[in-house]
Amino acid sequence: MPRYMLDTDSVSFALRAQGQVATRLLDHRPSEICISSITLAELRFGAEAKRSRKLHSLIGTFVDAVTVIAFDQSAADHFAAVAVSLARRG
C-alpha cells in the first residue's frame, strides 16, 4: 500500500526538477507513492492547456510507475492519515 500521496504541485515540481521533490522521491520505491485521480486530471489539464506532448509523456511515464487512486471516501481517508503522519514528523 502506498505511504505517500502527492498533490498536483508536488508532482509538477518533480516533473520540472524544481525544489527538492524529485530528489526526495528518489529515496522511495514507486510502490510507496500514489496520486489521486484528481491530481492526474489536473496534470493532464495543464499539459493539454499548454498543448505539450512532452509534458503528457512525462506524466504518462510518472503514472506508469506510481499508483493512481480514485478519489473517493477511502482515498480521502488515506490522504488525511498520510498528511497527519507527515505533519507529525515536522
N, C-alpha and C. Protein backbone atom coordinates (compact mmCIF):
# COMPACT_ATOMS: atom_id res chain seq x y z
N MET A 1 0.84 -1.18 0.00
CA MET A 1 0.00 0.00 0.00
C MET A 1 0.89 1.24 0.00
N PRO A 2 0.57 2.23 -0.84
CA PRO A 2 1.38 3.45 -0.88
C PRO A 2 1.38 4.18 0.46
N ARG A 3 2.51 4.80 0.77
CA ARG A 3 2.65 5.55 2.01
C ARG A 3 2.52 7.05 1.79
N TYR A 4 2.75 7.50 0.57
CA TYR A 4 2.77 8.93 0.29
C TYR A 4 1.84 9.27 -0.87
N MET A 5 0.93 10.20 -0.64
CA MET A 5 0.06 10.68 -1.71
C MET A 5 0.51 12.09 -2.06
N LEU A 6 0.91 12.27 -3.31
CA LEU A 6 1.41 13.56 -3.77
C LEU A 6 0.27 14.41 -4.33
N ASP A 7 0.36 15.70 -4.10
CA ASP A 7 -0.62 16.60 -4.70
C ASP A 7 -0.08 17.08 -6.05
N THR A 8 -0.90 17.86 -6.74
CA THR A 8 -0.56 18.30 -8.09
C THR A 8 0.73 19.13 -8.11
N ASP A 9 0.87 20.05 -7.16
CA ASP A 9 2.07 20.89 -7.13
C ASP A 9 3.32 20.05 -6.93
N SER A 10 3.26 19.07 -6.05
CA SER A 10 4.42 18.22 -5.80
C SER A 10 4.85 17.46 -7.05
N VAL A 11 3.88 16.91 -7.75
CA VAL A 11 4.21 16.18 -8.98
C VAL A 11 4.77 17.14 -10.03
N SER A 12 4.17 18.31 -10.14
CA SER A 12 4.65 19.30 -11.10
C SER A 12 6.09 19.69 -10.80
N PHE A 13 6.39 19.94 -9.53
CA PHE A 13 7.77 20.26 -9.15
C PHE A 13 8.71 19.12 -9.51
N ALA A 14 8.29 17.90 -9.23
CA ALA A 14 9.13 16.74 -9.53
C ALA A 14 9.37 16.61 -11.03
N LEU A 15 8.33 16.78 -11.84
CA LEU A 15 8.48 16.64 -13.28
C LEU A 15 9.36 17.74 -13.87
N ARG A 16 9.37 18.91 -13.24
CA ARG A 16 10.20 20.03 -13.71
C ARG A 16 11.54 20.08 -12.99
N ALA A 17 11.78 19.12 -12.09
CA ALA A 17 13.02 19.07 -11.30
C ALA A 17 13.26 20.38 -10.55
N GLN A 18 12.19 20.91 -9.95
CA GLN A 18 12.29 22.12 -9.15
C GLN A 18 12.21 21.75 -7.67
N GLY A 19 12.98 22.46 -6.89
CA GLY A 19 12.97 22.19 -5.45
C GLY A 19 13.56 20.82 -5.15
N GLN A 20 13.16 20.28 -4.02
CA GLN A 20 13.71 19.01 -3.53
C GLN A 20 12.78 17.82 -3.76
N VAL A 21 11.64 18.04 -4.39
CA VAL A 21 10.65 16.97 -4.52
C VAL A 21 11.23 15.78 -5.29
N ALA A 22 11.82 16.03 -6.44
CA ALA A 22 12.35 14.92 -7.25
C ALA A 22 13.41 14.14 -6.49
N THR A 23 14.28 14.86 -5.80
CA THR A 23 15.33 14.20 -5.02
C THR A 23 14.73 13.35 -3.91
N ARG A 24 13.76 13.89 -3.23
CA ARG A 24 13.12 13.15 -2.13
C ARG A 24 12.38 11.93 -2.66
N LEU A 25 11.77 12.04 -3.83
CA LEU A 25 11.06 10.89 -4.40
C LEU A 25 12.01 9.74 -4.69
N LEU A 26 13.22 10.06 -5.06
CA LEU A 26 14.20 9.01 -5.36
C LEU A 26 14.57 8.20 -4.13
N ASP A 27 14.25 8.72 -2.95
CA ASP A 27 14.51 8.00 -1.71
C ASP A 27 13.46 6.92 -1.44
N HIS A 28 12.44 6.84 -2.29
CA HIS A 28 11.34 5.90 -2.06
C HIS A 28 11.08 5.06 -3.31
N ARG A 29 10.58 3.86 -3.06
CA ARG A 29 10.18 2.99 -4.16
C ARG A 29 8.89 3.54 -4.78
N PRO A 30 8.71 3.38 -6.07
CA PRO A 30 7.46 3.83 -6.70
C PRO A 30 6.21 3.24 -6.04
N SER A 31 6.32 2.02 -5.50
CA SER A 31 5.17 1.40 -4.85
C SER A 31 4.75 2.13 -3.57
N GLU A 32 5.61 3.00 -3.06
CA GLU A 32 5.28 3.78 -1.87
C GLU A 32 4.57 5.09 -2.21
N ILE A 33 4.51 5.41 -3.49
CA ILE A 33 3.99 6.71 -3.95
C ILE A 33 2.66 6.51 -4.65
N CYS A 34 1.74 7.44 -4.40
CA CYS A 34 0.49 7.43 -5.15
C CYS A 34 0.04 8.87 -5.40
N ILE A 35 -0.87 9.02 -6.33
CA ILE A 35 -1.54 10.28 -6.57
C ILE A 35 -3.02 9.98 -6.69
N SER A 36 -3.83 11.00 -6.51
CA SER A 36 -5.27 10.79 -6.67
C SER A 36 -5.65 10.98 -8.14
N SER A 37 -6.79 10.48 -8.48
CA SER A 37 -7.29 10.69 -9.84
C SER A 37 -7.53 12.17 -10.11
N ILE A 38 -7.82 12.95 -9.07
CA ILE A 38 -7.98 14.40 -9.23
C ILE A 38 -6.64 15.02 -9.63
N THR A 39 -5.57 14.60 -8.98
CA THR A 39 -4.25 15.11 -9.33
C THR A 39 -3.91 14.77 -10.77
N LEU A 40 -4.20 13.55 -11.19
CA LEU A 40 -3.93 13.17 -12.57
C LEU A 40 -4.74 14.03 -13.52
N ALA A 41 -5.99 14.27 -13.21
CA ALA A 41 -6.83 15.12 -14.07
C ALA A 41 -6.25 16.53 -14.17
N GLU A 42 -5.79 17.08 -13.05
CA GLU A 42 -5.21 18.42 -13.07
C GLU A 42 -3.91 18.47 -13.87
N LEU A 43 -3.09 17.43 -13.74
CA LEU A 43 -1.86 17.36 -14.53
C LEU A 43 -2.16 17.29 -16.02
N ARG A 44 -3.11 16.42 -16.38
CA ARG A 44 -3.48 16.29 -17.80
C ARG A 44 -4.08 17.59 -18.33
N PHE A 45 -4.89 18.27 -17.52
CA PHE A 45 -5.46 19.55 -17.92
C PHE A 45 -4.34 20.55 -18.23
N GLY A 46 -3.35 20.63 -17.34
CA GLY A 46 -2.24 21.55 -17.56
C GLY A 46 -1.46 21.24 -18.82
N ALA A 47 -1.21 19.97 -19.06
CA ALA A 47 -0.48 19.57 -20.26
C ALA A 47 -1.29 19.88 -21.52
N GLU A 48 -2.59 19.64 -21.44
CA GLU A 48 -3.46 19.92 -22.59
C GLU A 48 -3.56 21.42 -22.85
N ALA A 49 -3.67 22.21 -21.77
CA ALA A 49 -3.76 23.66 -21.92
C ALA A 49 -2.49 24.22 -22.58
N LYS A 50 -1.35 23.59 -22.28
CA LYS A 50 -0.09 24.02 -22.89
C LYS A 50 0.16 23.34 -24.22
N ARG A 51 -0.71 22.38 -24.55
CA ARG A 51 -0.55 21.59 -25.78
C ARG A 51 0.85 20.99 -25.87
N SER A 52 1.25 20.41 -24.74
CA SER A 52 2.61 19.90 -24.61
C SER A 52 2.64 18.38 -24.65
N ARG A 53 3.11 17.85 -25.75
CA ARG A 53 3.27 16.40 -25.86
C ARG A 53 4.34 15.91 -24.89
N LYS A 54 5.38 16.73 -24.73
CA LYS A 54 6.46 16.36 -23.81
C LYS A 54 5.92 16.21 -22.39
N LEU A 55 5.09 17.15 -21.96
CA LEU A 55 4.52 17.07 -20.62
C LEU A 55 3.59 15.88 -20.49
N HIS A 56 2.76 15.63 -21.51
CA HIS A 56 1.90 14.43 -21.49
C HIS A 56 2.76 13.16 -21.36
N SER A 57 3.88 13.13 -22.06
CA SER A 57 4.76 11.97 -21.99
C SER A 57 5.36 11.82 -20.59
N LEU A 58 5.82 12.92 -20.00
CA LEU A 58 6.37 12.87 -18.64
C LEU A 58 5.32 12.39 -17.64
N ILE A 59 4.12 12.90 -17.78
CA ILE A 59 3.02 12.48 -16.89
C ILE A 59 2.75 11.00 -17.07
N GLY A 60 2.70 10.55 -18.31
CA GLY A 60 2.46 9.14 -18.59
C GLY A 60 3.51 8.24 -17.97
N THR A 61 4.76 8.63 -18.10
CA THR A 61 5.86 7.85 -17.51
C THR A 61 5.72 7.82 -15.99
N PHE A 62 5.39 8.96 -15.41
CA PHE A 62 5.26 9.04 -13.96
C PHE A 62 4.11 8.15 -13.47
N VAL A 63 2.94 8.25 -14.10
CA VAL A 63 1.78 7.48 -13.61
C VAL A 63 1.92 5.99 -13.91
N ASP A 64 2.76 5.64 -14.86
CA ASP A 64 3.03 4.22 -15.08
C ASP A 64 3.81 3.61 -13.91
N ALA A 65 4.54 4.47 -13.19
CA ALA A 65 5.40 3.98 -12.11
C ALA A 65 4.73 4.02 -10.74
N VAL A 66 3.71 4.85 -10.57
CA VAL A 66 3.06 5.01 -9.26
C VAL A 66 1.61 4.54 -9.34
N THR A 67 0.96 4.49 -8.20
CA THR A 67 -0.44 4.11 -8.13
C THR A 67 -1.31 5.35 -8.24
N VAL A 68 -2.35 5.26 -9.07
CA VAL A 68 -3.35 6.32 -9.16
C VAL A 68 -4.60 5.81 -8.45
N ILE A 69 -5.01 6.53 -7.42
CA ILE A 69 -6.13 6.11 -6.60
C ILE A 69 -7.36 6.95 -6.92
N ALA A 70 -8.48 6.28 -7.14
CA ALA A 70 -9.73 7.01 -7.34
C ALA A 70 -10.00 7.82 -6.08
N PHE A 71 -10.33 9.08 -6.26
CA PHE A 71 -10.51 9.93 -5.09
C PHE A 71 -11.95 9.81 -4.59
N ASP A 72 -12.14 8.79 -3.78
CA ASP A 72 -13.43 8.54 -3.15
C ASP A 72 -13.25 8.71 -1.64
N GLN A 73 -14.20 8.28 -0.86
CA GLN A 73 -14.09 8.43 0.58
C GLN A 73 -12.87 7.71 1.14
N SER A 74 -12.60 6.53 0.65
CA SER A 74 -11.44 5.78 1.12
C SER A 74 -10.15 6.53 0.83
N ALA A 75 -10.04 7.10 -0.37
CA ALA A 75 -8.84 7.87 -0.72
C ALA A 75 -8.71 9.12 0.14
N ALA A 76 -9.81 9.78 0.40
CA ALA A 76 -9.79 10.96 1.26
C ALA A 76 -9.30 10.59 2.66
N ASP A 77 -9.78 9.46 3.19
CA ASP A 77 -9.34 8.99 4.50
C ASP A 77 -7.85 8.67 4.48
N HIS A 78 -7.39 8.01 3.41
CA HIS A 78 -5.97 7.67 3.28
C HIS A 78 -5.13 8.94 3.23
N PHE A 79 -5.55 9.90 2.43
CA PHE A 79 -4.82 11.15 2.32
C PHE A 79 -4.72 11.83 3.69
N ALA A 80 -5.82 11.87 4.42
CA ALA A 80 -5.81 12.51 5.74
C ALA A 80 -4.82 11.82 6.67
N ALA A 81 -4.80 10.49 6.66
CA ALA A 81 -3.88 9.75 7.52
C ALA A 81 -2.42 10.03 7.15
N VAL A 82 -2.13 10.07 5.86
CA VAL A 82 -0.76 10.35 5.41
C VAL A 82 -0.38 11.78 5.76
N ALA A 83 -1.28 12.72 5.53
CA ALA A 83 -0.98 14.13 5.81
C ALA A 83 -0.70 14.34 7.30
N VAL A 84 -1.49 13.71 8.16
CA VAL A 84 -1.27 13.84 9.61
C VAL A 84 0.08 13.23 9.98
N SER A 85 0.39 12.08 9.42
CA SER A 85 1.67 11.42 9.71
C SER A 85 2.84 12.31 9.33
N LEU A 86 2.77 12.92 8.16
CA LEU A 86 3.84 13.80 7.72
C LEU A 86 3.93 15.05 8.57
N ALA A 87 2.79 15.60 8.96
CA ALA A 87 2.77 16.81 9.78
C ALA A 87 3.39 16.53 11.16
N ARG A 88 3.17 15.35 11.68
CA ARG A 88 3.73 15.00 12.99
C ARG A 88 5.25 14.83 12.93
N ARG A 89 5.74 14.45 11.79
CA ARG A 89 7.20 14.31 11.63
C ARG A 89 7.89 15.66 11.64
N GLY A 90 7.12 16.67 11.20
CA GLY A 90 7.62 18.04 11.19
C GLY A 90 8.56 18.27 10.13
